[in-house]
PDB file of N, CA and C in Angstrom:
ATOM      1  N   MET A   1     -69.499 -20.301  28.400  1.00  0.00           N
ATOM      2  CA  MET A   1     -68.507 -19.948  27.401  1.00  0.00           C
ATOM      3  C   MET A   1     -67.175 -19.661  28.076  1.00  0.00           C
ATOM      4  N   GLY A   2     -66.131 -20.055  27.386  1.00  0.00           N
ATOM      5  CA  GLY A   2     -64.805 -19.838  27.935  1.00  0.00           C
ATOM      6  C   GLY A   2     -64.301 -18.431  27.643  1.00  0.00           C
ATOM      7  N   PHE A   3     -63.154 -18.141  28.205  1.00  0.00           N
ATOM      8  CA  PHE A   3     -62.569 -16.802  28.086  1.00  0.00           C
ATOM      9  C   PHE A   3     -62.206 -16.446  26.643  1.00  0.00           C
ATOM     10  N   LEU A   4     -61.759 -17.392  25.833  1.00  0.00           N
ATOM     11  CA  LEU A   4     -61.338 -17.104  24.461  1.00  0.00           C
ATOM     12  C   LEU A   4     -62.462 -17.224  23.441  1.00  0.00           C
ATOM     13  N   GLU A   5     -63.568 -17.796  23.811  1.00  0.00           N
ATOM     14  CA  GLU A   5     -64.644 -18.002  22.844  1.00  0.00           C
ATOM     15  C   GLU A   5     -65.263 -16.691  22.371  1.00  0.00           C
ATOM     16  N   VAL A   6     -65.496 -15.738  23.262  1.00  0.00           N
ATOM     17  CA  VAL A   6     -66.120 -14.463  22.881  1.00  0.00           C
ATOM     18  C   VAL A   6     -65.220 -13.675  21.922  1.00  0.00           C
ATOM     19  N   PRO A   7     -63.939 -13.495  22.211  1.00  0.00           N
ATOM     20  CA  PRO A   7     -63.092 -12.781  21.241  1.00  0.00           C
ATOM     21  C   PRO A   7     -62.982 -13.508  19.894  1.00  0.00           C
ATOM     22  N   LEU A   8     -62.944 -14.828  19.928  1.00  0.00           N
ATOM     23  CA  LEU A   8     -62.868 -15.573  18.671  1.00  0.00           C
ATOM     24  C   LEU A   8     -64.147 -15.411  17.853  1.00  0.00           C
ATOM     25  N   ILE A   9     -65.280 -15.436  18.511  1.00  0.00           N
ATOM     26  CA  ILE A   9     -66.553 -15.241  17.809  1.00  0.00           C
ATOM     27  C   ILE A   9     -66.594 -13.844  17.200  1.00  0.00           C
ATOM     28  N   LEU A  10     -66.194 -12.830  17.982  1.00  0.00           N
ATOM     29  CA  LEU A  10     -66.165 -11.458  17.456  1.00  0.00           C
ATOM     30  C   LEU A  10     -65.199 -11.345  16.275  1.00  0.00           C
ATOM     31  N   LEU A  11     -64.070 -12.013  16.375  1.00  0.00           N
ATOM     32  CA  LEU A  11     -63.092 -11.983  15.295  1.00  0.00           C
ATOM     33  C   LEU A  11     -63.678 -12.574  14.020  1.00  0.00           C
ATOM     34  N   PHE A  12     -64.303 -13.739  14.118  1.00  0.00           N
ATOM     35  CA  PHE A  12     -64.832 -14.416  12.937  1.00  0.00           C
ATOM     36  C   PHE A  12     -66.114 -13.779  12.407  1.00  0.00           C
ATOM     37  N   VAL A  13     -66.902 -13.161  13.268  1.00  0.00           N
ATOM     38  CA  VAL A  13     -68.185 -12.601  12.838  1.00  0.00           C
ATOM     39  C   VAL A  13     -68.057 -11.152  12.374  1.00  0.00           C
ATOM     40  N   ILE A  14     -67.137 -10.393  12.953  1.00  0.00           N
ATOM     41  CA  ILE A  14     -67.059  -8.960  12.634  1.00  0.00           C
ATOM     42  C   ILE A  14     -65.754  -8.589  11.933  1.00  0.00           C
ATOM     43  N   VAL A  15     -64.637  -8.894  12.524  1.00  0.00           N
ATOM     44  CA  VAL A  15     -63.348  -8.386  12.040  1.00  0.00           C
ATOM     45  C   VAL A  15     -62.954  -9.003  10.701  1.00  0.00           C
ATOM     46  N   ILE A  16     -62.989 -10.306  10.574  1.00  0.00           N
ATOM     47  CA  ILE A  16     -62.552 -10.969   9.339  1.00  0.00           C
ATOM     48  C   ILE A  16     -63.442 -10.599   8.153  1.00  0.00           C
ATOM     49  N   PRO A  17     -64.788 -10.610   8.290  1.00  0.00           N
ATOM     50  CA  PRO A  17     -65.599 -10.196   7.132  1.00  0.00           C
ATOM     51  C   PRO A  17     -65.331  -8.754   6.696  1.00  0.00           C
ATOM     52  N   ILE A  18     -65.144  -7.841   7.644  1.00  0.00           N
ATOM     53  CA  ILE A  18     -64.848  -6.447   7.277  1.00  0.00           C
ATOM     54  C   ILE A  18     -63.501  -6.358   6.563  1.00  0.00           C
ATOM     55  N   ALA A  19     -62.516  -7.092   7.048  1.00  0.00           N
ATOM     56  CA  ALA A  19     -61.201  -7.088   6.405  1.00  0.00           C
ATOM     57  C   ALA A  19     -61.284  -7.655   4.986  1.00  0.00           C
ATOM     58  N   LEU A  20     -62.039  -8.735   4.813  1.00  0.00           N
ATOM     59  CA  LEU A  20     -62.185  -9.323   3.480  1.00  0.00           C
ATOM     60  C   LEU A  20     -62.891  -8.370   2.519  1.00  0.00           C
ATOM     61  N   ILE A  21     -63.948  -7.734   2.980  1.00  0.00           N
ATOM     62  CA  ILE A  21     -64.673  -6.773   2.141  1.00  0.00           C
ATOM     63  C   ILE A  21     -63.755  -5.627   1.737  1.00  0.00           C
ATOM     64  N   GLY A  22     -63.002  -5.102   2.685  1.00  0.00           N
ATOM     65  CA  GLY A  22     -62.059  -4.022   2.375  1.00  0.00           C
ATOM     66  C   GLY A  22     -60.995  -4.451   1.387  1.00  0.00           C
ATOM     67  N   HIS A  23     -60.472  -5.642   1.569  1.00  0.00           N
ATOM     68  CA  HIS A  23     -59.429  -6.141   0.658  1.00  0.00           C
ATOM     69  C   HIS A  23     -59.955  -6.266  -0.769  1.00  0.00           C
ATOM     70  N   TYR A  24     -61.110  -6.918  -0.935  1.00  0.00           N
ATOM     71  CA  TYR A  24     -61.627  -7.130  -2.282  1.00  0.00           C
ATOM     72  C   TYR A  24     -62.147  -5.839  -2.913  1.00  0.00           C
ATOM     73  N   ALA A  25     -62.630  -4.898  -2.114  1.00  0.00           N
ATOM     74  CA  ALA A  25     -63.037  -3.600  -2.661  1.00  0.00           C
ATOM     75  C   ALA A  25     -61.819  -2.869  -3.223  1.00  0.00           C
ATOM     76  N   THR A  26     -60.705  -2.947  -2.523  1.00  0.00           N
ATOM     77  CA  THR A  26     -59.470  -2.316  -2.998  1.00  0.00           C
ATOM     78  C   THR A  26     -58.976  -2.986  -4.278  1.00  0.00           C
ATOM     79  N   GLU A  27     -59.025  -4.307  -4.317  1.00  0.00           N
ATOM     80  CA  GLU A  27     -58.595  -5.032  -5.518  1.00  0.00           C
ATOM     81  C   GLU A  27     -59.461  -4.679  -6.719  1.00  0.00           C
ATOM     82  N   MET A  28     -60.764  -4.529  -6.517  1.00  0.00           N
ATOM     83  CA  MET A  28     -61.655  -4.184  -7.624  1.00  0.00           C
ATOM     84  C   MET A  28     -61.366  -2.771  -8.128  1.00  0.00           C
ATOM     85  N   LYS A  29     -61.055  -1.848  -7.239  1.00  0.00           N
ATOM     86  CA  LYS A  29     -60.722  -0.485  -7.670  1.00  0.00           C
ATOM     87  C   LYS A  29     -59.451  -0.472  -8.499  1.00  0.00           C
ATOM     88  N   LYS A  30     -58.473  -1.279  -8.103  1.00  0.00           N
ATOM     89  CA  LYS A  30     -57.227  -1.362  -8.866  1.00  0.00           C
ATOM     90  C   LYS A  30     -57.464  -1.946 -10.252  1.00  0.00           C
ATOM     91  N   ALA A  31     -58.341  -2.928 -10.339  1.00  0.00           N
ATOM     92  CA  ALA A  31     -58.582  -3.621 -11.598  1.00  0.00           C
ATOM     93  C   ALA A  31     -59.406  -2.797 -12.579  1.00  0.00           C
ATOM     94  N   LYS A  32     -60.095  -1.764 -12.113  1.00  0.00           N
ATOM     95  CA  LYS A  32     -60.957  -0.969 -12.994  1.00  0.00           C
ATOM     96  C   LYS A  32     -60.176  -0.191 -14.046  1.00  0.00           C
ATOM     97  N   GLY A  33     -59.073   0.387 -13.684  1.00  0.00           N
ATOM     98  CA  GLY A  33     -58.328   1.235 -14.612  1.00  0.00           C
ATOM     99  C   GLY A  33     -57.415   0.440 -15.520  1.00  0.00           C
ATOM    100  N   LEU A  34     -56.994   1.098 -16.594  1.00  0.00           N
ATOM    101  CA  LEU A  34     -56.048   0.474 -17.521  1.00  0.00           C
ATOM    102  C   LEU A  34     -54.632   0.658 -16.994  1.00  0.00           C
ATOM    103  N   THR A  35     -53.828  -0.350 -17.182  1.00  0.00           N
ATOM    104  CA  THR A  35     -52.426  -0.225 -16.810  1.00  0.00           C
ATOM    105  C   THR A  35     -51.693   0.548 -17.905  1.00  0.00           C
ATOM    106  N   ALA A  36     -50.480   0.953 -17.604  1.00  0.00           N
ATOM    107  CA  ALA A  36     -49.667   1.666 -18.596  1.00  0.00           C
ATOM    108  C   ALA A  36     -49.418   0.776 -19.810  1.00  0.00           C
ATOM    109  N   GLN A  37     -49.241  -0.508 -19.566  1.00  0.00           N
ATOM    110  CA  GLN A  37     -49.015  -1.438 -20.677  1.00  0.00           C
ATOM    111  C   GLN A  37     -50.275  -1.561 -21.540  1.00  0.00           C
ATOM    112  N   ASP A  38     -51.454  -1.588 -20.904  1.00  0.00           N
ATOM    113  CA  ASP A  38     -52.710  -1.635 -21.661  1.00  0.00           C
ATOM    114  C   ASP A  38     -52.858  -0.393 -22.543  1.00  0.00           C
ATOM    115  N   GLU A  39     -52.554   0.769 -21.969  1.00  0.00           N
ATOM    116  CA  GLU A  39     -52.662   2.011 -22.739  1.00  0.00           C
ATOM    117  C   GLU A  39     -51.680   2.030 -23.898  1.00  0.00           C
ATOM    118  N   ALA A  40     -50.472   1.531 -23.674  1.00  0.00           N
ATOM    119  CA  ALA A  40     -49.479   1.479 -24.749  1.00  0.00           C
ATOM    120  C   ALA A  40     -49.942   0.529 -25.857  1.00  0.00           C
ATOM    121  N   THR A  41     -50.505  -0.589 -25.481  1.00  0.00           N
ATOM    122  CA  THR A  41     -51.011  -1.545 -26.471  1.00  0.00           C
ATOM    123  C   THR A  41     -52.133  -0.930 -27.287  1.00  0.00           C
ATOM    124  N   LEU A  42     -53.059  -0.255 -26.612  1.00  0.00           N
ATOM    125  CA  LEU A  42     -54.152   0.404 -27.327  1.00  0.00           C
ATOM    126  C   LEU A  42     -53.632   1.479 -28.274  1.00  0.00           C
ATOM    127  N   ASP A  43     -52.624   2.214 -27.840  1.00  0.00           N
ATOM    128  CA  ASP A  43     -52.041   3.249 -28.704  1.00  0.00           C
ATOM    129  C   ASP A  43     -51.381   2.620 -29.930  1.00  0.00           C
ATOM    130  N   ASP A  44     -50.674   1.510 -29.728  1.00  0.00           N
ATOM    131  CA  ASP A  44     -50.066   0.796 -30.864  1.00  0.00           C
ATOM    132  C   ASP A  44     -51.134   0.302 -31.833  1.00  0.00           C
ATOM    133  N   LEU A  45     -52.213  -0.248 -31.302  1.00  0.00           N
ATOM    134  CA  LEU A  45     -53.296  -0.734 -32.154  1.00  0.00           C
ATOM    135  C   LEU A  45     -53.966   0.405 -32.919  1.00  0.00           C
ATOM    136  N   ARG A  46     -54.116   1.557 -32.275  1.00  0.00           N
ATOM    137  CA  ARG A  46     -54.709   2.711 -32.956  1.00  0.00           C
ATOM    138  C   ARG A  46     -53.823   3.151 -34.119  1.00  0.00           C
ATOM    139  N   ARG A  47     -52.508   3.233 -33.869  1.00  0.00           N
ATOM    140  CA  ARG A  47     -51.586   3.630 -34.937  1.00  0.00           C
ATOM    141  C   ARG A  47     -51.594   2.621 -36.078  1.00  0.00           C
ATOM    142  N   LEU A  48     -51.637   1.351 -35.749  1.00  0.00           N
ATOM    143  CA  LEU A  48     -51.679   0.303 -36.773  1.00  0.00           C
ATOM    144  C   LEU A  48     -52.960   0.402 -37.593  1.00  0.00           C
ATOM    145  N   SER A  49     -54.082   0.640 -36.942  1.00  0.00           N
ATOM    146  CA  SER A  49     -55.341   0.746 -37.687  1.00  0.00           C
ATOM    147  C   SER A  49     -55.334   1.970 -38.602  1.00  0.00           C
ATOM    148  N   GLU A  50     -54.711   3.066 -38.169  1.00  0.00           N
ATOM    149  CA  GLU A  50     -54.611   4.244 -39.035  1.00  0.00           C
ATOM    150  C   GLU A  50     -53.741   3.947 -40.253  1.00  0.00           C
ATOM    151  N   LYS A  51     -52.633   3.215 -40.055  1.00  0.00           N
ATOM    152  CA  LYS A  51     -51.783   2.840 -41.189  1.00  0.00           C
ATOM    153  C   LYS A  51     -52.546   1.947 -42.155  1.00  0.00           C
ATOM    154  N   LEU A  52     -53.291   0.988 -41.636  1.00  0.00           N
ATOM    155  CA  LEU A  52     -54.057   0.088 -42.501  1.00  0.00           C
ATOM    156  C   LEU A  52     -55.139   0.848 -43.259  1.00  0.00           C
ATOM    157  N   GLU A  53     -55.750   1.814 -42.600  1.00  0.00           N
ATOM    158  CA  GLU A  53     -56.767   2.627 -43.274  1.00  0.00           C
ATOM    159  C   GLU A  53     -56.144   3.436 -44.410  1.00  0.00           C
ATOM    160  N   ASP A  54     -54.968   4.007 -44.166  1.00  0.00           N
ATOM    161  CA  ASP A  54     -54.265   4.745 -45.221  1.00  0.00           C
ATOM    162  C   ASP A  54     -53.916   3.832 -46.398  1.00  0.00           C
ATOM    163  N   ARG A  55     -53.448   2.637 -46.105  1.00  0.00           N
ATOM    164  CA  ARG A  55     -53.109   1.691 -47.173  1.00  0.00           C
ATOM    165  C   ARG A  55     -54.344   1.301 -47.980  1.00  0.00           C
ATOM    166  N   LEU A  56     -55.448   1.094 -47.303  1.00  0.00           N
ATOM    167  CA  LEU A  56     -56.678   0.745 -48.000  1.00  0.00           C
ATOM    168  C   LEU A  56     -57.132   1.880 -48.912  1.00  0.00           C
ATOM    169  N   GLU A  57     -57.059   3.099 -48.401  1.00  0.00           N
ATOM    170  CA  GLU A  57     -57.447   4.247 -49.230  1.00  0.00           C
ATOM    171  C   GLU A  57     -56.533   4.377 -50.443  1.00  0.00           C
ATOM    172  N   THR A  58     -55.236   4.134 -50.258  1.00  0.00           N
ATOM    173  CA  THR A  58     -54.290   4.179 -51.380  1.00  0.00           C
ATOM    174  C   THR A  58     -54.623   3.097 -52.402  1.00  0.00           C
ATOM    175  N   LEU A  59     -54.894   1.904 -51.921  1.00  0.00           N
ATOM    176  CA  LEU A  59     -55.256   0.805 -52.820  1.00  0.00           C
ATOM    177  C   LEU A  59     -56.534   1.128 -53.598  1.00  0.00           C
ATOM    178  N   GLU A  60     -57.519   1.701 -52.942  1.00  0.00           N
ATOM    179  CA  GLU A  60     -58.758   2.065 -53.635  1.00  0.00           C
ATOM    180  C   GLU A  60     -58.519   3.144 -54.689  1.00  0.00           C
ATOM    181  N   ARG A  61     -57.643   4.110 -54.386  1.00  0.00           N
ATOM    182  CA  ARG A  61     -57.312   5.143 -55.374  1.00  0.00           C
ATOM    183  C   ARG A  61     -56.626   4.531 -56.591  1.00  0.00           C
ATOM    184  N   ILE A  62     -55.703   3.597 -56.351  1.00  0.00           N
ATOM    185  CA  ILE A  62     -55.014   2.930 -57.461  1.00  0.00           C
ATOM    186  C   ILE A  62     -56.019   2.142 -58.294  1.00  0.00           C
ATOM    187  N   LEU A  63     -56.890   1.419 -57.634  1.00  0.00           N
ATOM    188  CA  LEU A  63     -57.900   0.650 -58.366  1.00  0.00           C
ATOM    189  C   LEU A  63     -58.842   1.568 -59.136  1.00  0.00           C
ATOM    190  N   ASP A  64     -59.211   2.700 -58.556  1.00  0.00           N
ATOM    191  CA  ASP A  64     -60.071   3.650 -59.262  1.00  0.00           C
ATOM    192  C   ASP A  64     -59.409   4.146 -60.542  1.00  0.00           C
ATOM    193  N   ASP A  65     -58.085   4.350 -60.484  1.00  0.00           N
ATOM    194  CA  ASP A  65     -57.359   4.816 -61.661  1.00  0.00           C
ATOM    195  C   ASP A  65     -57.174   3.704 -62.693  1.00  0.00           C
ATOM    196  N   GLU A  66     -56.824   2.524 -62.233  1.00  0.00           N
ATOM    197  CA  GLU A  66     -56.500   1.417 -63.129  1.00  0.00           C
ATOM    198  C   GLU A  66     -57.734   0.675 -63.646  1.00  0.00           C
ATOM    199  N   VAL A  67     -58.711   0.469 -62.782  1.00  0.00           N
ATOM    200  CA  VAL A  67     -59.911  -0.291 -63.141  1.00  0.00           C
ATOM    201  C   VAL A  67     -61.123   0.509 -62.643  1.00  0.00           C
ATOM    202  N   PRO A  68     -61.573   1.481 -63.436  1.00  0.00           N
ATOM    203  CA  PRO A  68     -62.596   2.413 -62.951  1.00  0.00           C
ATOM    204  C   PRO A  68     -63.894   1.763 -62.469  1.00  0.00           C
ATOM    205  N   ASP A  69     -64.262   0.638 -63.040  1.00  0.00           N
ATOM    206  CA  ASP A  69     -65.545   0.039 -62.646  1.00  0.00           C
ATOM    207  C   ASP A  69     -65.373  -1.136 -61.676  1.00  0.00           C
ATOM    208  N   TRP A  70     -64.273  -1.177 -60.939  1.00  0.00           N
ATOM    209  CA  TRP A  70     -64.014  -2.309 -60.045  1.00  0.00           C
ATOM    210  C   TRP A  70     -65.053  -2.402 -58.925  1.00  0.00           C
ATOM    211  N   ARG A  71     -65.558  -1.282 -58.490  1.00  0.00           N
ATOM    212  CA  ARG A  71     -66.536  -1.316 -57.388  1.00  0.00           C
ATOM    213  C   ARG A  71     -67.845  -1.964 -57.846  1.00  0.00           C
ATOM    214  N   SER A  72     -68.301  -1.620 -59.028  1.00  0.00           N
ATOM    215  CA  SER A  72     -69.566  -2.202 -59.496  1.00  0.00           C
ATOM    216  C   SER A  72     -69.392  -3.683 -59.832  1.00  0.00           C
ATOM    217  N   ARG A  73     -68.237  -4.065 -60.322  1.00  0.00           N
ATOM    218  CA  ARG A  73     -67.993  -5.478 -60.618  1.00  0.00           C
ATOM    219  C   ARG A  73     -67.958  -6.306 -59.341  1.00  0.00           C
ATOM    220  N   ARG A  74     -67.425  -5.758 -58.335  1.00  0.00           N
ATOM    221  CA  ARG A  74     -67.345  -6.495 -57.073  1.00  0.00           C
ATOM    222  C   ARG A  74     -68.739  -6.751 -56.527  1.00  0.00           C
ATOM    223  N   HIS A  75     -69.610  -5.762 -56.616  1.00  0.00           N
ATOM    224  CA  HIS A  75     -70.976  -5.927 -56.114  1.00  0.00           C
ATOM    225  C   HIS A  75     -71.772  -6.911 -56.983  1.00  0.00           C
ATOM    226  N   ASP A  76     -71.445  -7.021 -58.250  1.00  0.00           N
ATOM    227  CA  ASP A  76     -72.153  -7.956 -59.133  1.00  0.00           C
ATOM    228  C   ASP A  76     -71.862  -9.400 -58.755  1.00  0.00           C
ATOM    229  N   THR A  77     -70.663  -9.659 -58.251  1.00  0.00           N
ATOM    230  CA  THR A  77     -70.286 -11.032 -57.925  1.00  0.00           C
ATOM    231  C   THR A  77     -70.784 -11.454 -56.544  1.00  0.00           C
ATOM    232  N   LEU A  78     -71.203 -10.531 -55.729  1.00  0.00           N
ATOM    233  CA  LEU A  78     -71.674 -10.891 -54.382  1.00  0.00           C
ATOM    234  C   LEU A  78     -73.043 -11.402 -54.425  1.00  0.00           C
TER     235      LEU A  78
END
């Protein structure tokens, strides 16, 4: 074996695999959490769903007042 073969073998067998494992372990840890943009999007979606729920409840109250038997009629047609 030549003078450079042993260090090259050690580099490819030990150093590079350890560096790759460390790099990808760090990347996976970063990817686990939500970003600030993800959290903001989720918060927007939560607020939107609450608004839609309020609108649905309002619509049901109006229908209850205007057409008292609308719920039973809807189930009859299904």
